[in-house]
PDB file of N, CA and C in Angstrom:
ATOM      1  N   MET A   1     -65.327  42.469  25.041  1.00  0.00           N
ATOM      2  CA  MET A   1     -64.941  42.504  24.448  1.00  0.00           C
ATOM      3  C   MET A   1     -64.034  43.782  24.185  1.00  0.00           C
ATOM      4  N   ALA A   2     -63.620  44.667  24.597  1.00  0.00           N
ATOM      5  CA  ALA A   2     -63.062  46.081  24.604  1.00  0.00           C
ATOM      6  C   ALA A   2     -61.971  45.691  24.625  1.00  0.00           C
ATOM      7  N   THR A   3     -61.373  44.902  25.424  1.00  0.00           N
ATOM      8  CA  THR A   3     -58.919  44.721  25.450  1.00  0.00           C
ATOM      9  C   THR A   3     -59.046  43.923  24.373  1.00  0.00           C
ATOM     10  N   GLN A   4     -60.053  42.836  23.587  1.00  0.00           N
ATOM     11  CA  GLN A   4     -59.743  42.329  22.380  1.00  0.00           C
ATOM     12  C   GLN A   4     -59.773  42.719  21.048  1.00  0.00           C
ATOM     13  N   GLY A   5     -60.726  43.684  21.144  1.00  0.00           N
ATOM     14  CA  GLY A   5     -60.938  44.585  19.860  1.00  0.00           C
ATOM     15  C   GLY A   5     -62.525  44.083  19.340  1.00  0.00           C
ATOM     16  N   TYR A   6     -62.489  44.647  18.198  1.00  0.00           N
ATOM     17  CA  TYR A   6     -63.670  44.600  17.383  1.00  0.00           C
ATOM     18  C   TYR A   6     -63.015  43.891  16.219  1.00  0.00           C
ATOM     19  N   ARG A   7     -63.332  42.753  15.376  1.00  0.00           N
ATOM     20  CA  ARG A   7     -62.576  41.975  14.659  1.00  0.00           C
ATOM     21  C   ARG A   7     -63.546  41.605  12.904  1.00  0.00           C
ATOM     22  N   ALA A   8     -62.837  41.657  11.898  1.00  0.00           N
ATOM     23  CA  ALA A   8     -63.624  41.350  11.288  1.00  0.00           C
ATOM     24  C   ALA A   8     -62.855  41.102  10.168  1.00  0.00           C
ATOM     25  N   VAL A   9     -63.415  39.410   9.345  1.00  0.00           N
ATOM     26  CA  VAL A   9     -62.529  39.508   8.802  1.00  0.00           C
ATOM     27  C   VAL A   9     -63.076  38.920   6.855  1.00  0.00           C
ATOM     28  N   ALA A  10     -62.003  38.964   5.629  1.00  0.00           N
ATOM     29  CA  ALA A  10     -62.907  38.772   4.033  1.00  0.00           C
ATOM     30  C   ALA A  10     -61.831  37.899   4.257  1.00  0.00           C
ATOM     31  N   LYS A  11     -61.969  36.936   3.390  1.00  0.00           N
ATOM     32  CA  LYS A  11     -61.067  35.874   3.043  1.00  0.00           C
ATOM     33  C   LYS A  11     -61.051  35.900   1.431  1.00  0.00           C
ATOM     34  N   ASN A  12     -60.258  35.054   0.826  1.00  0.00           N
ATOM     35  CA  ASN A  12     -59.952  34.891  -0.557  1.00  0.00           C
ATOM     36  C   ASN A  12     -60.618  36.048  -1.388  1.00  0.00           C
ATOM     37  N   ILE A  13     -59.930  37.159  -1.077  1.00  0.00           N
ATOM     38  CA  ILE A  13     -60.561  38.269  -1.958  1.00  0.00           C
ATOM     39  C   ILE A  13     -59.381  38.104  -3.643  1.00  0.00           C
ATOM     40  N   PRO A  14     -59.826  38.038  -4.330  1.00  0.00           N
ATOM     41  CA  PRO A  14     -59.254  37.679  -5.579  1.00  0.00           C
ATOM     42  C   PRO A  14     -58.481  38.912  -5.964  1.00  0.00           C
ATOM     43  N   ILE A  15     -57.290  39.779  -5.300  1.00  0.00           N
ATOM     44  CA  ILE A  15     -56.256  40.667  -5.227  1.00  0.00           C
ATOM     45  C   ILE A  15     -54.989  40.392  -4.680  1.00  0.00           C
ATOM     46  N   SER A  16     -54.218  40.287  -5.011  1.00  0.00           N
ATOM     47  CA  SER A  16     -52.733  39.648  -4.039  1.00  0.00           C
ATOM     48  C   SER A  16     -52.393  40.352  -2.831  1.00  0.00           C
ATOM     49  N   ALA A  17     -52.305  39.682  -1.749  1.00  0.00           N
ATOM     50  CA  ALA A  17     -51.451  40.261  -0.902  1.00  0.00           C
ATOM     51  C   ALA A  17     -51.012  41.081  -0.694  1.00  0.00           C
ATOM     52  N   GLN A  18     -50.225  41.120  -1.497  1.00  0.00           N
ATOM     53  CA  GLN A  18     -48.354  42.556  -2.414  1.00  0.00           C
ATOM     54  C   GLN A  18     -49.331  43.980  -2.179  1.00  0.00           C
ATOM     55  N   LYS A  19     -50.307  44.032  -2.905  1.00  0.00           N
ATOM     56  CA  LYS A  19     -51.332  44.662  -3.938  1.00  0.00           C
ATOM     57  C   LYS A  19     -52.014  45.247  -2.871  1.00  0.00           C
ATOM     58  N   VAL A  20     -53.176  44.623  -1.776  1.00  0.00           N
ATOM     59  CA  VAL A  20     -53.673  45.029  -0.220  1.00  0.00           C
ATOM     60  C   VAL A  20     -52.856  45.939   0.231  1.00  0.00           C
ATOM     61  N   ARG A  21     -51.707  45.013   0.711  1.00  0.00           N
ATOM     62  CA  ARG A  21     -51.041  45.698   1.422  1.00  0.00           C
ATOM     63  C   ARG A  21     -50.448  47.392   1.549  1.00  0.00           C
ATOM     64  N   LEU A  22     -50.494  47.633   0.034  1.00  0.00           N
ATOM     65  CA  LEU A  22     -50.262  49.152  -0.458  1.00  0.00           C
ATOM     66  C   LEU A  22     -51.349  49.998   0.227  1.00  0.00           C
ATOM     67  N   VAL A  23     -52.267  49.039   0.505  1.00  0.00           N
ATOM     68  CA  VAL A  23     -53.754  50.495   0.672  1.00  0.00           C
ATOM     69  C   VAL A  23     -53.404  49.990   2.123  1.00  0.00           C
ATOM     70  N   VAL A  24     -53.299  48.823   3.108  1.00  0.00           N
ATOM     71  CA  VAL A  24     -53.361  48.362   4.157  1.00  0.00           C
ATOM     72  C   VAL A  24     -52.525  49.420   5.468  1.00  0.00           C
ATOM     73  N   ASP A  25     -51.212  49.440   4.655  1.00  0.00           N
ATOM     74  CA  ASP A  25     -50.542  50.514   5.240  1.00  0.00           C
ATOM     75  C   ASP A  25     -50.675  52.014   5.041  1.00  0.00           C
ATOM     76  N   LEU A  26     -52.025  52.662   4.174  1.00  0.00           N
ATOM     77  CA  LEU A  26     -52.337  54.360   4.378  1.00  0.00           C
ATOM     78  C   LEU A  26     -53.088  53.352   5.587  1.00  0.00           C
ATOM     79  N   VAL A  27     -53.938  53.479   6.428  1.00  0.00           N
ATOM     80  CA  VAL A  27     -54.650  53.458   7.196  1.00  0.00           C
ATOM     81  C   VAL A  27     -54.728  52.541   8.403  1.00  0.00           C
ATOM     82  N   ARG A  28     -53.875  51.854   8.642  1.00  0.00           N
ATOM     83  CA  ARG A  28     -53.151  51.369   9.630  1.00  0.00           C
ATOM     84  C   ARG A  28     -53.074  52.785  11.238  1.00  0.00           C
ATOM     85  N   GLY A  29     -53.500  52.566  12.051  1.00  0.00           N
ATOM     86  CA  GLY A  29     -53.518  53.516  13.030  1.00  0.00           C
ATOM     87  C   GLY A  29     -54.244  54.653  13.242  1.00  0.00           C
ATOM     88  N   LYS A  30     -54.912  54.888  11.984  1.00  0.00           N
ATOM     89  CA  LYS A  30     -55.835  56.059  11.762  1.00  0.00           C
ATOM     90  C   LYS A  30     -57.699  55.740  12.564  1.00  0.00           C
ATOM     91  N   ASP A  31     -58.220  57.149  12.598  1.00  0.00           N
ATOM     92  CA  ASP A  31     -59.268  56.953  13.534  1.00  0.00           C
ATOM     93  C   ASP A  31     -60.316  56.620  12.157  1.00  0.00           C
ATOM     94  N   VAL A  32     -61.446  55.721  12.577  1.00  0.00           N
ATOM     95  CA  VAL A  32     -61.673  54.899  10.941  1.00  0.00           C
ATOM     96  C   VAL A  32     -62.681  55.846  10.405  1.00  0.00           C
ATOM     97  N   GLN A  33     -63.143  57.117  11.070  1.00  0.00           N
ATOM     98  CA  GLN A  33     -63.843  58.145   9.993  1.00  0.00           C
ATOM     99  C   GLN A  33     -62.689  59.066   8.674  1.00  0.00           C
ATOM    100  N   GLU A  34     -62.021  58.811   9.067  1.00  0.00           N
ATOM    101  CA  GLU A  34     -60.596  59.499   8.550  1.00  0.00           C
ATOM    102  C   GLU A  34     -59.759  58.414   7.737  1.00  0.00           C
ATOM    103  N   ALA A  35     -59.805  57.366   7.545  1.00  0.00           N
ATOM    104  CA  ALA A  35     -59.516  56.010   7.090  1.00  0.00           C
ATOM    105  C   ALA A  35     -61.276  56.010   5.926  1.00  0.00           C
ATOM    106  N   MET A  36     -61.776  55.844   6.429  1.00  0.00           N
ATOM    107  CA  MET A  36     -63.072  55.114   5.740  1.00  0.00           C
ATOM    108  C   MET A  36     -62.569  56.714   3.991  1.00  0.00           C
ATOM    109  N   ASP A  37     -62.363  58.200   4.806  1.00  0.00           N
ATOM    110  CA  ASP A  37     -62.701  59.122   3.952  1.00  0.00           C
ATOM    111  C   ASP A  37     -61.295  58.750   2.861  1.00  0.00           C
ATOM    112  N   MET A  38     -59.943  58.602   3.405  1.00  0.00           N
ATOM    113  CA  MET A  38     -58.982  58.549   2.681  1.00  0.00           C
ATOM    114  C   MET A  38     -59.307  57.060   1.581  1.00  0.00           C
ATOM    115  N   LEU A  39     -59.799  56.384   2.067  1.00  0.00           N
ATOM    116  CA  LEU A  39     -60.153  55.100   0.908  1.00  0.00           C
ATOM    117  C   LEU A  39     -61.052  55.317  -0.538  1.00  0.00           C
ATOM    118  N   ASP A  40     -62.023  56.400   0.125  1.00  0.00           N
ATOM    119  CA  ASP A  40     -63.312  56.699  -1.036  1.00  0.00           C
ATOM    120  C   ASP A  40     -61.931  57.363  -2.302  1.00  0.00           C
ATOM    121  N   PHE A  41     -60.694  57.842  -2.254  1.00  0.00           N
ATOM    122  CA  PHE A  41     -59.881  59.112  -3.244  1.00  0.00           C
ATOM    123  C   PHE A  41     -58.899  57.922  -3.415  1.00  0.00           C
ATOM    124  N   VAL A  42     -58.662  56.682  -2.939  1.00  0.00           N
ATOM    125  CA  VAL A  42     -57.239  55.846  -3.318  1.00  0.00           C
ATOM    126  C   VAL A  42     -57.729  55.190  -4.339  1.00  0.00           C
ATOM    127  N   THR A  43     -56.858  55.242  -5.702  1.00  0.00           N
ATOM    128  CA  THR A  43     -57.138  54.368  -6.500  1.00  0.00           C
ATOM    129  C   THR A  43     -57.145  52.742  -7.480  1.00  0.00           C
ATOM    130  N   LYS A  44     -56.165  52.797  -6.009  1.00  0.00           N
ATOM    131  CA  LYS A  44     -55.926  51.553  -6.373  1.00  0.00           C
ATOM    132  C   LYS A  44     -57.454  50.378  -6.334  1.00  0.00           C
ATOM    133  N   ARG A  45     -57.002  49.161  -6.847  1.00  0.00           N
ATOM    134  CA  ARG A  45     -57.687  47.975  -6.667  1.00  0.00           C
ATOM    135  C   ARG A  45     -58.291  47.436  -5.377  1.00  0.00           C
ATOM    136  N   GLY A  46     -57.147  47.545  -4.820  1.00  0.00           N
ATOM    137  CA  GLY A  46     -57.354  47.008  -3.233  1.00  0.00           C
ATOM    138  C   GLY A  46     -57.974  47.723  -2.095  1.00  0.00           C
ATOM    139  N   ALA A  47     -58.904  49.174  -2.374  1.00  0.00           N
ATOM    140  CA  ALA A  47     -59.276  50.354  -1.459  1.00  0.00           C
ATOM    141  C   ALA A  47     -60.755  49.451  -1.826  1.00  0.00           C
ATOM    142  N   GLU A  48     -61.141  49.306  -2.721  1.00  0.00           N
ATOM    143  CA  GLU A  48     -62.335  48.712  -2.697  1.00  0.00           C
ATOM    144  C   GLU A  48     -62.895  47.526  -1.189  1.00  0.00           C
ATOM    145  N   PRO A  49     -62.334  46.631  -0.847  1.00  0.00           N
ATOM    146  CA  PRO A  49     -62.263  45.243  -0.405  1.00  0.00           C
ATOM    147  C   PRO A  49     -61.911  46.234   1.016  1.00  0.00           C
ATOM    148  N   VAL A  50     -60.858  46.905   1.016  1.00  0.00           N
ATOM    149  CA  VAL A  50     -60.772  47.260   2.568  1.00  0.00           C
ATOM    150  C   VAL A  50     -61.445  48.043   3.218  1.00  0.00           C
ATOM    151  N   SER A  51     -62.443  48.692   2.581  1.00  0.00           N
ATOM    152  CA  SER A  51     -63.094  49.740   2.463  1.00  0.00           C
ATOM    153  C   SER A  51     -64.326  48.994   2.892  1.00  0.00           C
ATOM    154  N   LYS A  52     -65.176  48.092   2.476  1.00  0.00           N
ATOM    155  CA  LYS A  52     -65.910  47.136   3.060  1.00  0.00           C
ATOM    156  C   LYS A  52     -66.009  46.660   4.281  1.00  0.00           C
ATOM    157  N   LEU A  53     -64.402  45.786   4.128  1.00  0.00           N
ATOM    158  CA  LEU A  53     -64.708  45.206   5.344  1.00  0.00           C
ATOM    159  C   LEU A  53     -64.417  46.234   6.557  1.00  0.00           C
ATOM    160  N   LEU A  54     -63.760  47.132   6.204  1.00  0.00           N
ATOM    161  CA  LEU A  54     -63.818  48.505   7.831  1.00  0.00           C
ATOM    162  C   LEU A  54     -65.077  48.621   7.494  1.00  0.00           C
ATOM    163  N   ARG A  55     -65.474  48.997   7.079  1.00  0.00           N
ATOM    164  CA  ARG A  55     -67.523  49.377   6.848  1.00  0.00           C
ATOM    165  C   ARG A  55     -67.919  48.293   8.086  1.00  0.00           C
ATOM    166  N   SER A  56     -67.875  47.000   7.759  1.00  0.00           N
ATOM    167  CA  SER A  56     -68.724  45.840   8.427  1.00  0.00           C
ATOM    168  C   SER A  56     -68.021  45.922   9.554  1.00  0.00           C
ATOM    169  N   ALA A  57     -66.442  46.383   9.936  1.00  0.00           N
ATOM    170  CA  ALA A  57     -66.336  45.656  11.254  1.00  0.00           C
ATOM    171  C   ALA A  57     -67.163  47.205  12.407  1.00  0.00           C
ATOM    172  N   MET A  58     -66.709  48.253  11.413  1.00  0.00           N
ATOM    173  CA  MET A  58     -67.496  49.713  12.384  1.00  0.00           C
ATOM    174  C   MET A  58     -69.186  48.920  12.457  1.00  0.00           C
ATOM    175  N   ILE A  59     -69.654  49.024  12.187  1.00  0.00           N
ATOM    176  CA  ILE A  59     -71.269  48.465  11.920  1.00  0.00           C
ATOM    177  C   ILE A  59     -71.232  47.833  12.896  1.00  0.00           C
ATOM    178  N   ASN A  60     -70.756  46.079  13.332  1.00  0.00           N
ATOM    179  CA  ASN A  60     -70.615  45.259  13.688  1.00  0.00           C
ATOM    180  C   ASN A  60     -70.872  45.383  15.038  1.00  0.00           C
ATOM    181  N   ALA A  61     -69.450  46.461  15.163  1.00  0.00           N
ATOM    182  CA  ALA A  61     -68.968  47.188  16.664  1.00  0.00           C
ATOM    183  C   ALA A  61     -70.383  48.239  17.047  1.00  0.00           C
ATOM    184  N   GLU A  62     -70.734  48.925  16.383  1.00  0.00           N
ATOM    185  CA  GLU A  62     -72.086  50.070  17.008  1.00  0.00           C
ATOM    186  C   GLU A  62     -73.290  49.133  17.088  1.00  0.00           C
ATOM    187  N   GLU A  63     -73.761  47.781  15.924  1.00  0.00           N
ATOM    188  CA  GLU A  63     -74.823  47.320  16.651  1.00  0.00           C
ATOM    189  C   GLU A  63     -74.863  46.328  17.674  1.00  0.00           C
ATOM    190  N   ASN A  64     -73.693  45.530  17.363  1.00  0.00           N
ATOM    191  CA  ASN A  64     -73.427  44.221  18.204  1.00  0.00           C
ATOM    192  C   ASN A  64     -72.317  44.937  20.060  1.00  0.00           C
ATOM    193  N   HIS A  65     -71.697  46.068  20.122  1.00  0.00           N
ATOM    194  CA  HIS A  65     -71.648  46.381  21.876  1.00  0.00           C
ATOM    195  C   HIS A  65     -71.801  47.750  21.867  1.00  0.00           C
ATOM    196  N   ALA A  66     -73.155  48.551  20.833  1.00  0.00           N
ATOM    197  CA  ALA A  66     -73.279  50.175  21.344  1.00  0.00           C
ATOM    198  C   ALA A  66     -71.780  50.965  20.959  1.00  0.00           C
ATOM    199  N   VAL A  67     -71.159  50.733  20.529  1.00  0.00           N
ATOM    200  CA  VAL A  67     -69.925  52.004  20.946  1.00  0.00           C
ATOM    201  C   VAL A  67     -70.063  52.665  19.282  1.00  0.00           C
ATOM    202  N   SER A  68     -70.060  54.115  19.875  1.00  0.00           N
ATOM    203  CA  SER A  68     -69.862  55.069  18.609  1.00  0.00           C
ATOM    204  C   SER A  68     -68.469  54.570  17.622  1.00  0.00           C
ATOM    205  N   ARG A  69     -68.554  54.916  16.318  1.00  0.00           N
ATOM    206  CA  ARG A  69     -67.779  55.478  15.665  1.00  0.00           C
ATOM    207  C   ARG A  69     -67.048  56.365  15.387  1.00  0.00           C
ATOM    208  N   ASN A  70     -67.284  57.157  16.242  1.00  0.00           N
ATOM    209  CA  ASN A  70     -66.291  58.396  16.660  1.00  0.00           C
ATOM    210  C   ASN A  70     -65.335  57.782  17.609  1.00  0.00           C
ATOM    211  N   ASP A  71     -65.681  56.688  18.365  1.00  0.00           N
ATOM    212  CA  ASP A  71     -64.831  56.459  19.396  1.00  0.00           C
ATOM    213  C   ASP A  71     -63.883  55.118  18.844  1.00  0.00           C
ATOM    214  N   LEU A  72     -64.067  54.850  17.504  1.00  0.00           N
ATOM    215  CA  LEU A  72     -63.248  53.487  17.287  1.00  0.00           C
ATOM    216  C   LEU A  72     -61.573  54.448  16.263  1.00  0.00           C
ATOM    217  N   MET A  73     -60.905  53.157  16.493  1.00  0.00           N
ATOM    218  CA  MET A  73     -59.273  53.245  15.723  1.00  0.00           C
ATOM    219  C   MET A  73     -59.171  52.257  15.328  1.00  0.00           C
ATOM    220  N   ILE A  74     -58.089  52.340  14.281  1.00  0.00           N
ATOM    221  CA  ILE A  74     -57.863  50.671  13.500  1.00  0.00           C
ATOM    222  C   ILE A  74     -56.466  50.378  14.753  1.00  0.00           C
ATOM    223  N   SER A  75     -56.435  49.565  15.033  1.00  0.00           N
ATOM    224  CA  SER A  75     -55.460  49.039  16.363  1.00  0.00           C
ATOM    225  C   SER A  75     -54.640  47.957  14.965  1.00  0.00           C
ATOM    226  N   GLU A  76     -54.978  47.113  14.238  1.00  0.00           N
ATOM    227  CA  GLU A  76     -54.067  45.817  13.479  1.00  0.00           C
ATOM    228  C   GLU A  76     -55.258  45.936  12.557  1.00  0.00           C
ATOM    229  N   ILE A  77     -54.694  46.266  11.333  1.00  0.00           N
ATOM    230  CA  ILE A  77     -54.714  45.812  10.270  1.00  0.00           C
ATOM    231  C   ILE A  77     -54.009  44.564   9.018  1.00  0.00           C
ATOM    232  N   PHE A  78     -53.921  43.806   8.617  1.00  0.00           N
ATOM    233  CA  PHE A  78     -53.260  42.954   8.152  1.00  0.00           C
ATOM    234  C   PHE A  78     -53.682  42.206   6.602  1.00  0.00           C
ATOM    235  N   ALA A  79     -53.011  41.724   5.681  1.00  0.00           N
ATOM    236  CA  ALA A  79     -53.123  41.116   4.709  1.00  0.00           C
ATOM    237  C   ALA A  79     -52.513  40.174   3.945  1.00  0.00           C
ATOM    238  N   ASP A  80     -53.010  39.238   4.558  1.00  0.00           N
ATOM    239  CA  ASP A  80     -52.172  37.574   4.370  1.00  0.00           C
ATOM    240  C   ASP A  80     -52.497  36.958   3.050  1.00  0.00           C
ATOM    241  N   GLU A  81     -51.315  35.867   2.647  1.00  0.00           N
ATOM    242  CA  GLU A  81     -51.504  35.341   1.309  1.00  0.00           C
ATOM    243  C   GLU A  81     -52.719  33.801   1.403  1.00  0.00           C
ATOM    244  N   ALA A  82     -53.949  34.054   0.592  1.00  0.00           N
ATOM    245  CA  ALA A  82     -54.387  32.871   0.815  1.00  0.00           C
ATOM    246  C   ALA A  82     -53.799  32.293  -0.246  1.00  0.00           C
ATOM    247  N   ARG A  83     -54.884  31.052  -0.758  1.00  0.00           N
ATOM    248  CA  ARG A  83     -55.011  30.111  -1.948  1.00  0.00           C
ATOM    249  C   ARG A  83     -54.268  30.948  -3.568  1.00  0.00           C
ATOM    250  N   THR A  84     -53.509  30.315  -4.294  1.00  0.00           N
ATOM    251  CA  THR A  84     -53.196  30.344  -5.315  1.00  0.00           C
ATOM    252  C   THR A  84     -53.969  29.691  -5.986  1.00  0.00           C
ATOM    253  N   ARG A  85     -54.224  30.079  -7.886  1.00  0.00           N
ATOM    254  CA  ARG A  85     -54.923  29.055  -8.265  1.00  0.00           C
ATOM    255  C   ARG A  85     -54.229  28.991  -9.390  1.00  0.00           C
ATOM    256  N   LYS A  86     -53.805  27.839 -10.340  1.00  0.00           N
ATOM    257  CA  LYS A  86     -53.143  28.003 -11.417  1.00  0.00           C
ATOM    258  C   LYS A  86     -53.484  27.330 -12.535  1.00  0.00           C
ATOM    259  N   TRP A  87     -53.421  28.236 -13.649  1.00  0.00           N
ATOM    260  CA  TRP A  87     -54.392  28.248 -14.538  1.00  0.00           C
ATOM    261  C   TRP A  87     -52.972  27.825 -15.529  1.00  0.00           C
ATOM    262  N   ARG A  88     -53.195  27.241 -16.680  1.00  0.00           N
ATOM    263  CA  ARG A  88     -52.337  26.711 -17.906  1.00  0.00           C
ATOM    264  C   ARG A  88     -52.438  27.933 -18.730  1.00  0.00           C
ATOM    265  N   ARG A  89     -51.400  28.105 -19.298  1.00  0.00           N
ATOM    266  CA  ARG A  89     -51.045  29.136 -20.472  1.00  0.00           C
ATOM    267  C   ARG A  89     -49.997  28.255 -21.216  1.00  0.00           C
ATOM    268  N   PHE A  90     -50.019  28.262 -22.337  1.00  0.00           N
ATOM    269  CA  PHE A  90     -49.447  27.279 -23.687  1.00  0.00           C
ATOM    270  C   PHE A  90     -49.100  28.115 -24.144  1.00  0.00           C
ATOM    271  N   GLY A  91     -47.326  28.600 -24.364  1.00  0.00           N
ATOM    272  CA  GLY A  91     -46.639  29.325 -25.143  1.00  0.00           C
ATOM    273  C   GLY A  91     -46.035  28.144 -26.636  1.00  0.00           C
ATOM    274  N   ALA A  92     -45.138  29.032 -27.427  1.00  0.00           N
ATOM    275  CA  ALA A  92     -44.463  28.413 -28.211  1.00  0.00           C
ATOM    276  C   ALA A  92     -43.116  27.376 -28.089  1.00  0.00           C
ATOM    277  N   ARG A  93     -43.571  26.948 -29.284  1.00  0.00           N
ATOM    278  CA  ARG A  93     -43.130  25.483 -29.357  1.00  0.00           C
ATOM    279  C   ARG A  93     -43.187  24.536 -28.222  1.00  0.00           C
ATOM    280  N   GLY A  94     -44.715  24.739 -27.716  1.00  0.00           N
ATOM    281  CA  GLY A  94     -45.817  23.521 -26.818  1.00  0.00           C
ATOM    282  C   GLY A  94     -44.759  23.700 -25.322  1.00  0.00           C
ATOM    283  N   ARG A  95     -44.139  24.424 -25.146  1.00  0.00           N
ATOM    284  CA  ARG A  95     -44.359  25.291 -23.428  1.00  0.00           C
ATOM    285  C   ARG A  95     -45.033  25.374 -22.747  1.00  0.00           C
ATOM    286  N   PHE A  96     -45.154  25.658 -21.685  1.00  0.00           N
ATOM    287  CA  PHE A  96     -45.733  25.604 -20.719  1.00  0.00           C
ATOM    288  C   PHE A  96     -45.779  27.042 -20.203  1.00  0.00           C
ATOM    289  N   LYS A  97     -46.863  27.357 -19.721  1.00  0.00           N
ATOM    290  CA  LYS A  97     -46.627  28.918 -19.125  1.00  0.00           C
ATOM    291  C   LYS A  97     -47.698  29.383 -17.799  1.00  0.00           C
ATOM    292  N   PRO A  98     -47.481  28.936 -17.081  1.00  0.00           N
ATOM    293  CA  PRO A  98     -48.182  29.181 -15.452  1.00  0.00           C
ATOM    294  C   PRO A  98     -48.948  30.444 -15.554  1.00  0.00           C
ATOM    295  N   TRP A  99     -50.165  30.479 -15.188  1.00  0.00           N
ATOM    296  CA  TRP A  99     -50.359  31.693 -14.812  1.00  0.00           C
ATOM    297  C   TRP A  99     -50.804  31.643 -12.730  1.00  0.00           C
ATOM    298  N   LEU A 100     -50.429  32.857 -12.020  1.00  0.00           N
ATOM    299  CA  LEU A 100     -50.709  32.565 -10.535  1.00  0.00           C
ATOM    300  C   LEU A 100     -51.947  33.443 -10.478  1.00  0.00           C
ATOM    301  N   ARG A 101     -52.624  32.490 -10.288  1.00  0.00           N
ATOM    302  CA  ARG A 101     -54.167  33.624  -9.751  1.00  0.00           C
ATOM    303  C   ARG A 101     -54.281  33.907  -8.458  1.00  0.00           C
ATOM    304  N   ARG A 102     -53.241  35.460  -7.613  1.00  0.00           N
ATOM    305  CA  ARG A 102     -53.056  35.305  -6.204  1.00  0.00           C
ATOM    306  C   ARG A 102     -54.706  35.857  -5.251  1.00  0.00           C
ATOM    307  N   SER A 103     -54.846  35.184  -4.285  1.00  0.00           N
ATOM    308  CA  SER A 103     -55.623  35.587  -3.536  1.00  0.00           C
ATOM    309  C   SER A 103     -55.253  36.334  -1.949  1.00  0.00           C
ATOM    310  N   SER A 104     -55.829  36.652  -1.463  1.00  0.00           N
ATOM    311  CA  SER A 104     -55.487  37.418   0.037  1.00  0.00           C
ATOM    312  C   SER A 104     -56.681  37.278   1.190  1.00  0.00           C
ATOM    313  N   HIS A 105     -56.042  37.124   2.418  1.00  0.00           N
ATOM    314  CA  HIS A 105     -56.961  37.279   3.391  1.00  0.00           C
ATOM    315  C   HIS A 105     -56.412  38.666   3.815  1.00  0.00           C
ATOM    316  N   ILE A 106     -58.089  39.052   4.592  1.00  0.00           N
ATOM    317  CA  ILE A 106     -57.621  40.444   5.116  1.00  0.00           C
ATOM    318  C   ILE A 106     -58.367  40.618   6.412  1.00  0.00           C
ATOM    319  N   THR A 107     -57.681  41.475   7.948  1.00  0.00           N
ATOM    320  CA  THR A 107     -57.952  41.221   8.668  1.00  0.00           C
ATOM    321  C   THR A 107     -58.357  42.507   9.562  1.00  0.00           C
ATOM    322  N   VAL A 108     -59.098  42.804  10.019  1.00  0.00           N
ATOM    323  CA  VAL A 108     -58.884  44.494  10.770  1.00  0.00           C
ATOM    324  C   VAL A 108     -59.775  43.958  11.971  1.00  0.00           C
ATOM    325  N   VAL A 109     -59.296  45.086  12.589  1.00  0.00           N
ATOM    326  CA  VAL A 109     -58.813  44.957  14.410  1.00  0.00           C
ATOM    327  C   VAL A 109     -59.196  46.254  14.672  1.00  0.00           C
ATOM    328  N   LEU A 110     -60.778  46.904  15.366  1.00  0.00           N
ATOM    329  CA  LEU A 110     -60.996  48.264  15.514  1.00  0.00           C
ATOM    330  C   LEU A 110     -60.894  48.243  16.731  1.00  0.00           C
ATOM    331  N   ARG A 111     -60.629  49.342  17.850  1.00  0.00           N
ATOM    332  CA  ARG A 111     -60.300  49.610  19.239  1.00  0.00           C
ATOM    333  C   ARG A 111     -60.679  50.984  19.450  1.00  0.00           C
ATOM    334  N   GLU A 112     -61.427  51.269  20.619  1.00  0.00           N
ATOM    335  CA  GLU A 112     -61.653  52.482  21.516  1.00  0.00           C
ATOM    336  C   GLU A 112     -60.569  53.125  21.699  1.00  0.00           C
ATOM    337  N   LYS A 113     -60.830  54.608  21.314  1.00  0.00           N
ATOM    338  CA  LYS A 113     -59.684  55.000  21.516  1.00  0.00           C
ATOM    339  C   LYS A 113     -58.901  55.611  22.918  1.00  0.00           C
ATOM    340  N   GLY A 114     -59.854  55.177  23.488  1.00  0.00           N
ATOM    341  CA  GLY A 114     -59.064  55.175  24.717  1.00  0.00           C
ATOM    342  C   GLY A 114     -58.038  53.928  25.818  1.00  0.00           C
ATOM    343  N   ASN A 115     -58.668  53.119  24.467  1.00  0.00           N
ATOM    344  CA  ASN A 115     -58.025  51.533  24.655  1.00  0.00           C
ATOM    345  C   ASN A 115     -56.542  51.142  24.549  1.00  0.00           C
TER     346      ASN A 115
END
């Protein structure tokens, strides 16, 4: 499993992928501990689901594969677009104003530093 990495996926997060990518780009390629410390101080709304997902991947690697959290780094992390809910809002003069509620899928892959 060390060659493929330790993967965690969060699906249908109710934040647009564009907003999550702003946070994801900050932590890509960093050590897990450094990334967790950084995410605690980021004021973006997308920092909370990314932090939860990163913590989940880190704990999965520790519990299931006996890897120390100090040896892990983020090799891949990305946010893809998920489904878009289309809500209705009626405007003036009988017009229709669509509201697009976007959501995203976030994927993180951790690897050991030596690999």
